[in-house]
Amino acid sequence: MSGNVRFSPLTLLTRRWATLAAIATTAAVALAAPWLPETFAAWGLFSAALIYVAWGSVRAARGRPGRIALNLAGLVLFTVIAIVSVELGGDAGRYLLAAGWLGHAVWDWVHHRANQVVPRPYAEWCGVVDVLTAGAVLFLP
């Protein structure tokens, strides 16, 4: 590592703006509407998966049709998790929903690393939102 590399707030803003935007987005939702039911978080999980299918379809998954099929499978999986978590309710439903959000964060990480289907800043933003939302589902009343 070079001794010339220094940390600066500007470096943080330019390299991790998607992370900072995700923190701000999640904080704003949590503070503005702490009363939102878990069904809101379940709809969010479905929506997060749907965005990958829609965005990947528009971008034609960079010429790889298998990526569309994989994202459709992800949509089905995350939709089932969302529906079952609402039907279960209580602590079991919350734990399943939080696990779904954490699973989607892993999904985002894989897409970020592969630089496929969605732009990397979006995958970064979504992954941070996913982890923070999982924490909110578990720890906020």
Protein backbone atom coordinates (compact mmCIF):
# COMPACT_ATOMS: atom_id res chain seq x y z
CA MET A 1 0.00 0.00 0.00
CA SER A 2 1.37 3.38 -0.92
CA GLY A 3 2.12 5.92 1.77
CA ASN A 4 0.63 8.66 -0.41
CA VAL A 5 -2.98 7.49 0.05
CA ARG A 6 -4.86 9.69 2.47
CA PHE A 7 -8.42 9.59 3.61
CA SER A 8 -10.59 12.61 3.00
CA PRO A 9 -14.33 13.26 3.30
CA LEU A 10 -14.38 14.00 -0.42
CA THR A 11 -12.99 10.53 -1.14
CA LEU A 12 -15.76 9.00 0.96
CA LEU A 13 -18.41 10.99 -0.89
CA THR A 14 -17.13 10.15 -4.35
CA ARG A 15 -16.45 6.46 -3.75
CA ARG A 16 -19.28 5.52 -1.42
CA TRP A 17 -22.06 7.90 -2.38
CA ALA A 18 -24.44 4.97 -2.96
CA THR A 19 -23.82 3.69 0.58
CA LEU A 20 -24.37 7.14 2.06
CA ALA A 21 -27.56 7.55 0.00
CA ALA A 22 -28.80 4.16 1.23
CA ILE A 23 -28.21 5.10 4.86
CA ALA A 24 -30.04 8.39 4.34
CA THR A 25 -32.94 6.69 2.53
CA THR A 26 -33.41 4.02 5.18
CA ALA A 27 -33.09 6.49 8.03
CA ALA A 28 -35.64 8.80 6.44
CA VAL A 29 -38.17 5.99 6.03
CA ALA A 30 -37.56 4.68 9.57
CA LEU A 31 -37.87 8.14 11.14
CA ALA A 32 -40.77 9.39 9.03
CA ALA A 33 -42.89 6.30 9.36
CA PRO A 34 -41.88 4.12 12.32
CA TRP A 35 -45.46 2.87 12.44
CA LEU A 36 -45.30 1.09 9.09
CA PRO A 37 -46.39 -2.53 9.45
CA GLU A 38 -44.25 -5.47 8.49
CA THR A 39 -46.37 -5.87 5.36
CA PHE A 40 -44.70 -2.68 4.11
CA ALA A 41 -41.30 -4.35 4.51
CA ALA A 42 -42.65 -7.48 2.81
CA TRP A 43 -43.82 -5.41 -0.17
CA GLY A 44 -40.39 -3.79 -0.23
CA LEU A 45 -38.68 -7.18 -0.46
CA PHE A 46 -40.92 -8.15 -3.39
CA SER A 47 -40.24 -4.79 -5.05
CA ALA A 48 -36.47 -5.12 -4.62
CA ALA A 49 -36.53 -8.46 -6.44
CA LEU A 50 -38.88 -7.15 -9.13
CA ILE A 51 -36.52 -4.27 -9.90
CA TYR A 52 -33.76 -6.74 -10.79
CA VAL A 53 -36.03 -8.54 -13.25
CA ALA A 54 -37.27 -5.30 -14.80
CA TRP A 55 -33.85 -3.68 -15.01
CA GLY A 56 -32.24 -6.86 -16.31
CA SER A 57 -34.91 -7.20 -18.97
CA VAL A 58 -34.38 -3.66 -20.15
CA ARG A 59 -30.63 -4.11 -20.25
CA ALA A 60 -31.16 -7.61 -21.77
CA ALA A 61 -28.85 -8.91 -19.02
CA ARG A 62 -25.89 -7.98 -21.19
CA GLY A 63 -26.76 -10.56 -23.80
CA ARG A 64 -27.07 -13.44 -21.33
CA PRO A 65 -30.65 -14.76 -21.24
CA GLY A 66 -29.79 -17.06 -18.33
CA ARG A 67 -29.44 -14.00 -16.12
CA ILE A 68 -33.09 -13.13 -16.71
CA ALA A 69 -34.14 -16.66 -15.71
CA LEU A 70 -31.98 -16.49 -12.60
CA ASN A 71 -33.49 -13.16 -11.60
CA LEU A 72 -36.99 -14.51 -12.22
CA ALA A 73 -36.16 -17.39 -9.87
CA GLY A 74 -34.96 -14.82 -7.33
CA LEU A 75 -38.20 -12.90 -7.73
CA VAL A 76 -40.20 -16.04 -7.01
CA LEU A 77 -38.05 -16.91 -3.98
CA PHE A 78 -38.19 -13.45 -2.40
CA THR A 79 -41.92 -13.15 -3.14
CA VAL A 80 -42.60 -16.46 -1.39
CA ILE A 81 -40.53 -15.33 1.59
CA ALA A 82 -42.47 -12.05 1.75
CA ILE A 83 -45.87 -13.75 1.55
CA VAL A 84 -45.05 -16.49 4.04
CA SER A 85 -43.59 -13.97 6.51
CA VAL A 86 -46.83 -11.96 6.46
CA GLU A 87 -48.95 -15.10 6.80
CA LEU A 88 -46.84 -16.36 9.72
CA GLY A 89 -46.86 -13.06 11.53
CA GLY A 90 -45.39 -12.66 15.00
CA ASP A 91 -41.75 -13.31 15.75
CA ALA A 92 -41.46 -16.17 13.24
CA GLY A 93 -42.69 -13.89 10.46
CA ARG A 94 -40.31 -11.10 11.48
CA TYR A 95 -37.33 -13.48 11.57
CA LEU A 96 -38.21 -14.91 8.17
CA LEU A 97 -38.68 -11.43 6.69
CA ALA A 98 -35.35 -10.24 8.12
CA ALA A 99 -33.67 -13.36 6.71
CA GLY A 100 -35.23 -12.57 3.32
CA TRP A 101 -33.81 -9.04 3.43
CA LEU A 102 -30.37 -10.37 4.39
CA GLY A 103 -30.63 -12.92 1.58
CA HIS A 104 -31.40 -10.12 -0.83
CA ALA A 105 -28.34 -8.24 0.45
CA VAL A 106 -26.25 -11.27 -0.56
CA TRP A 107 -28.06 -11.20 -3.93
CA ASP A 108 -27.03 -7.56 -4.30
CA TRP A 109 -23.43 -8.34 -3.35
CA VAL A 110 -23.24 -11.06 -6.02
CA HIS A 111 -24.65 -8.70 -8.64
CA HIS A 112 -22.29 -5.94 -7.52
CA ARG A 113 -19.25 -8.20 -7.81
CA ALA A 114 -20.36 -9.55 -11.21
CA ASN A 115 -21.24 -6.06 -12.46
CA GLN A 116 -24.20 -7.63 -14.26
CA VAL A 117 -27.94 -6.94 -14.58
CA VAL A 118 -27.98 -3.66 -12.60
CA PRO A 119 -25.38 -0.91 -12.32
CA ARG A 120 -22.91 -1.38 -9.47
CA PRO A 121 -23.97 1.76 -7.56
CA TYR A 122 -27.55 0.50 -7.51
CA ALA A 123 -26.49 -2.93 -6.23
CA GLU A 124 -24.42 -1.21 -3.52
CA TRP A 125 -27.29 1.09 -2.55
CA CYS A 126 -29.78 -1.77 -2.47
CA GLY A 127 -27.49 -4.04 -0.44
CA VAL A 128 -27.03 -1.42 2.27
CA VAL A 129 -30.79 -0.70 2.33
CA ASP A 130 -31.40 -4.45 2.63
CA VAL A 131 -29.12 -4.89 5.64
CA LEU A 132 -30.53 -1.82 7.39
CA THR A 133 -34.10 -2.91 6.66
CA ALA A 134 -33.40 -6.37 8.09
CA GLY A 135 -32.14 -4.68 11.25
CA ALA A 136 -35.19 -2.45 11.39
CA VAL A 137 -37.55 -5.43 10.99
CA LEU A 138 -35.78 -7.18 13.85
CA PHE A 139 -35.16 -4.32 16.26
CA LEU A 140 -37.71 -1.56 15.68
CA PRO A 141 -41.10 -1.96 17.36
